[in-house]
Amino acid sequence: MSDDDRWISTFLEAQAAELDAARNTLLAYGRDLSAFKNFLESRKCDFEQADKAMIEAYMIDCEAEGLATATRARRLSAVKQLYRFAFEEGWRADNPALRISGPGKTKSLPKTLSEA
């Protein structure tokens, strides 16, 4: 098991124990963090080395893949929570995801009223 896999499993265990996270939530976090891990590996990087620029590059890559805004927001949320956890546990001296903003929600046009 790689260090990144240990980060993910420890994070998910903590989410389950401390926050009583639902099974589907944990599965989604696991998938999202595995996707981020794969992105980092393709760039010869890992969770411990990743910086703000690398996380931003990941978000740009997700957009280029055509992922929906909600999916990109969920993936960023998982990454942010992982790094907050890593910082609190002392695995990192910083939190590189701290000031990264998510993809903006697109606002839909208001529905028009029809005449009765």
C-alpha atoms as a PDB file:
ATOM      1  CA  MET A   1       0.000   0.000   0.000  1.00  0.00           C
ATOM      2  CA  SER A   2       1.408   3.379  -1.011  1.00  0.00           C
ATOM      3  CA  ASP A   3       1.602   6.362   1.325  1.00  0.00           C
ATOM      4  CA  ASP A   4      -1.194   8.024  -0.645  1.00  0.00           C
ATOM      5  CA  ASP A   5      -3.389   4.947  -0.217  1.00  0.00           C
ATOM      6  CA  ARG A   6      -2.708   5.076   3.531  1.00  0.00           C
ATOM      7  CA  TRP A   7      -3.674   8.755   3.589  1.00  0.00           C
ATOM      8  CA  ILE A   8      -6.971   7.917   1.876  1.00  0.00           C
ATOM      9  CA  SER A   9      -7.800   4.918   4.068  1.00  0.00           C
ATOM     10  CA  THR A  10      -6.923   6.730   7.312  1.00  0.00           C
ATOM     11  CA  PHE A  11      -8.927   9.778   6.229  1.00  0.00           C
ATOM     12  CA  LEU A  12     -11.951   7.645   5.328  1.00  0.00           C
ATOM     13  CA  GLU A  13     -11.742   5.729   8.608  1.00  0.00           C
ATOM     14  CA  ALA A  14     -11.688   9.024  10.509  1.00  0.00           C
ATOM     15  CA  GLN A  15     -14.657  10.343   8.530  1.00  0.00           C
ATOM     16  CA  ALA A  16     -16.606   7.195   9.344  1.00  0.00           C
ATOM     17  CA  ALA A  17     -15.680   7.200  13.035  1.00  0.00           C
ATOM     18  CA  GLU A  18     -15.701  10.902  13.902  1.00  0.00           C
ATOM     19  CA  LEU A  19     -18.390  12.247  11.611  1.00  0.00           C
ATOM     20  CA  ASP A  20     -20.469   9.113  11.167  1.00  0.00           C
ATOM     21  CA  ALA A  21     -20.313   9.706   7.413  1.00  0.00           C
ATOM     22  CA  ALA A  22     -22.723   7.682   5.299  1.00  0.00           C
ATOM     23  CA  ARG A  23     -21.411   4.742   3.283  1.00  0.00           C
ATOM     24  CA  ASN A  24     -22.178   6.434  -0.049  1.00  0.00           C
ATOM     25  CA  THR A  25     -20.380   9.580   1.103  1.00  0.00           C
ATOM     26  CA  LEU A  26     -17.302   7.546   1.982  1.00  0.00           C
ATOM     27  CA  LEU A  27     -17.428   5.741  -1.368  1.00  0.00           C
ATOM     28  CA  ALA A  28     -17.637   9.078  -3.202  1.00  0.00           C
ATOM     29  CA  TYR A  29     -14.716  10.516  -1.194  1.00  0.00           C
ATOM     30  CA  GLY A  30     -12.706   7.392  -1.957  1.00  0.00           C
ATOM     31  CA  ARG A  31     -13.377   7.632  -5.702  1.00  0.00           C
ATOM     32  CA  ASP A  32     -12.650  11.357  -5.790  1.00  0.00           C
ATOM     33  CA  LEU A  33      -9.402  11.038  -3.841  1.00  0.00           C
ATOM     34  CA  SER A  34      -8.291   8.088  -5.980  1.00  0.00           C
ATOM     35  CA  ALA A  35      -8.839  10.213  -9.086  1.00  0.00           C
ATOM     36  CA  PHE A  36      -6.709  12.981  -7.537  1.00  0.00           C
ATOM     37  CA  LYS A  37      -4.033  10.438  -6.568  1.00  0.00           C
ATOM     38  CA  ASN A  38      -3.945   9.128 -10.169  1.00  0.00           C
ATOM     39  CA  PHE A  39      -3.588  12.682 -11.472  1.00  0.00           C
ATOM     40  CA  LEU A  40      -0.676  13.315  -9.104  1.00  0.00           C
ATOM     41  CA  GLU A  41       1.007  10.012  -9.998  1.00  0.00           C
ATOM     42  CA  SER A  42       0.839  10.907 -13.691  1.00  0.00           C
ATOM     43  CA  ARG A  43       2.867  13.992 -12.790  1.00  0.00           C
ATOM     44  CA  LYS A  44       5.326  12.143 -10.530  1.00  0.00           C
ATOM     45  CA  CYS A  45       3.848  13.759  -7.432  1.00  0.00           C
ATOM     46  CA  ASP A  46       2.036  12.599  -4.302  1.00  0.00           C
ATOM     47  CA  PHE A  47      -0.235  14.007  -1.585  1.00  0.00           C
ATOM     48  CA  GLU A  48       2.717  15.078   0.551  1.00  0.00           C
ATOM     49  CA  GLN A  49       4.439  16.984  -2.270  1.00  0.00           C
ATOM     50  CA  ALA A  50       1.383  18.546  -3.907  1.00  0.00           C
ATOM     51  CA  ASP A  51       1.076  22.302  -3.643  1.00  0.00           C
ATOM     52  CA  LYS A  52      -1.646  24.812  -4.437  1.00  0.00           C
ATOM     53  CA  ALA A  53      -0.578  25.017  -8.093  1.00  0.00           C
ATOM     54  CA  MET A  54      -0.847  21.228  -8.459  1.00  0.00           C
ATOM     55  CA  ILE A  55      -4.357  21.180  -6.968  1.00  0.00           C
ATOM     56  CA  GLU A  56      -5.381  24.021  -9.291  1.00  0.00           C
ATOM     57  CA  ALA A  57      -3.905  22.090 -12.236  1.00  0.00           C
ATOM     58  CA  TYR A  58      -6.022  19.103 -11.185  1.00  0.00           C
ATOM     59  CA  MET A  59      -9.157  21.236 -11.201  1.00  0.00           C
ATOM     60  CA  ILE A  60      -8.285  22.556 -14.666  1.00  0.00           C
ATOM     61  CA  ASP A  61      -7.756  18.968 -15.811  1.00  0.00           C
ATOM     62  CA  CYS A  62     -11.173  17.977 -14.422  1.00  0.00           C
ATOM     63  CA  GLU A  63     -12.763  20.825 -16.368  1.00  0.00           C
ATOM     64  CA  ALA A  64     -10.895  19.823 -19.539  1.00  0.00           C
ATOM     65  CA  GLU A  65     -12.282  16.285 -19.105  1.00  0.00           C
ATOM     66  CA  GLY A  66     -15.738  17.822 -19.344  1.00  0.00           C
ATOM     67  CA  LEU A  67     -16.769  16.963 -15.795  1.00  0.00           C
ATOM     68  CA  ALA A  68     -19.912  18.685 -14.574  1.00  0.00           C
ATOM     69  CA  THR A  69     -19.590  21.660 -12.240  1.00  0.00           C
ATOM     70  CA  ALA A  70     -21.130  19.677  -9.382  1.00  0.00           C
ATOM     71  CA  THR A  71     -18.649  16.827  -9.905  1.00  0.00           C
ATOM     72  CA  ARG A  72     -15.694  19.219  -9.927  1.00  0.00           C
ATOM     73  CA  ALA A  73     -16.999  20.906  -6.776  1.00  0.00           C
ATOM     74  CA  ARG A  74     -17.382  17.536  -5.036  1.00  0.00           C
ATOM     75  CA  ARG A  75     -13.868  16.477  -6.038  1.00  0.00           C
ATOM     76  CA  LEU A  76     -12.406  19.728  -4.749  1.00  0.00           C
ATOM     77  CA  SER A  77     -14.341  19.333  -1.515  1.00  0.00           C
ATOM     78  CA  ALA A  78     -12.833  15.872  -0.991  1.00  0.00           C
ATOM     79  CA  VAL A  79      -9.318  17.192  -1.664  1.00  0.00           C
ATOM     80  CA  LYS A  80      -9.843  20.135   0.697  1.00  0.00           C
ATOM     81  CA  GLN A  81     -11.117  17.876   3.456  1.00  0.00           C
ATOM     82  CA  LEU A  82      -8.186  15.487   3.005  1.00  0.00           C
ATOM     83  CA  TYR A  83      -5.662  18.317   3.323  1.00  0.00           C
ATOM     84  CA  ARG A  84      -7.442  19.846   6.304  1.00  0.00           C
ATOM     85  CA  PHE A  85      -7.290  16.421   7.964  1.00  0.00           C
ATOM     86  CA  ALA A  86      -3.606  15.979   7.016  1.00  0.00           C
ATOM     87  CA  PHE A  87      -2.771  19.389   8.487  1.00  0.00           C
ATOM     88  CA  GLU A  88      -4.669  18.658  11.711  1.00  0.00           C
ATOM     89  CA  GLU A  89      -2.945  15.263  12.029  1.00  0.00           C
ATOM     90  CA  GLY A  90       0.485  16.828  11.500  1.00  0.00           C
ATOM     91  CA  TRP A  91       1.144  15.013   8.233  1.00  0.00           C
ATOM     92  CA  ARG A  92       1.725  18.380   6.576  1.00  0.00           C
ATOM     93  CA  ALA A  93       2.917  21.691   7.966  1.00  0.00           C
ATOM     94  CA  ASP A  94       0.559  23.546   5.629  1.00  0.00           C
ATOM     95  CA  ASN A  95      -2.772  23.134   3.886  1.00  0.00           C
ATOM     96  CA  PRO A  96      -2.244  23.726   0.154  1.00  0.00           C
ATOM     97  CA  ALA A  97      -5.984  23.542  -0.565  1.00  0.00           C
ATOM     98  CA  LEU A  98      -6.932  26.235   1.936  1.00  0.00           C
ATOM     99  CA  ARG A  99      -7.508  29.160  -0.417  1.00  0.00           C
ATOM    100  CA  ILE A 100      -8.650  27.369  -3.550  1.00  0.00           C
ATOM    101  CA  SER A 101     -12.131  28.323  -4.628  1.00  0.00           C
ATOM    102  CA  GLY A 102     -14.422  25.881  -6.325  1.00  0.00           C
ATOM    103  CA  PRO A 103     -16.073  26.098  -9.699  1.00  0.00           C
ATOM    104  CA  GLY A 104     -18.863  28.635  -9.690  1.00  0.00           C
ATOM    105  CA  LYS A 105     -22.388  27.425  -9.997  1.00  0.00           C
ATOM    106  CA  THR A 106     -24.078  28.445 -13.188  1.00  0.00           C
ATOM    107  CA  LYS A 107     -27.262  30.312 -12.568  1.00  0.00           C
ATOM    108  CA  SER A 108     -30.258  29.183 -14.527  1.00  0.00           C
ATOM    109  CA  LEU A 109     -32.591  31.683 -16.044  1.00  0.00           C
ATOM    110  CA  PRO A 110     -35.858  32.248 -14.232  1.00  0.00           C
ATOM    111  CA  LYS A 111     -38.851  30.356 -15.563  1.00  0.00           C
ATOM    112  CA  THR A 112     -41.462  32.445 -17.271  1.00  0.00           C
ATOM    113  CA  LEU A 113     -45.023  32.339 -16.117  1.00  0.00           C
ATOM    114  CA  SER A 114     -47.597  31.243 -18.617  1.00  0.00           C
ATOM    115  CA  GLU A 115     -50.990  32.847 -18.926  1.00  0.00           C
ATOM    116  CA  ALA A 116     -53.867  30.872 -17.501  1.00  0.00           C
END
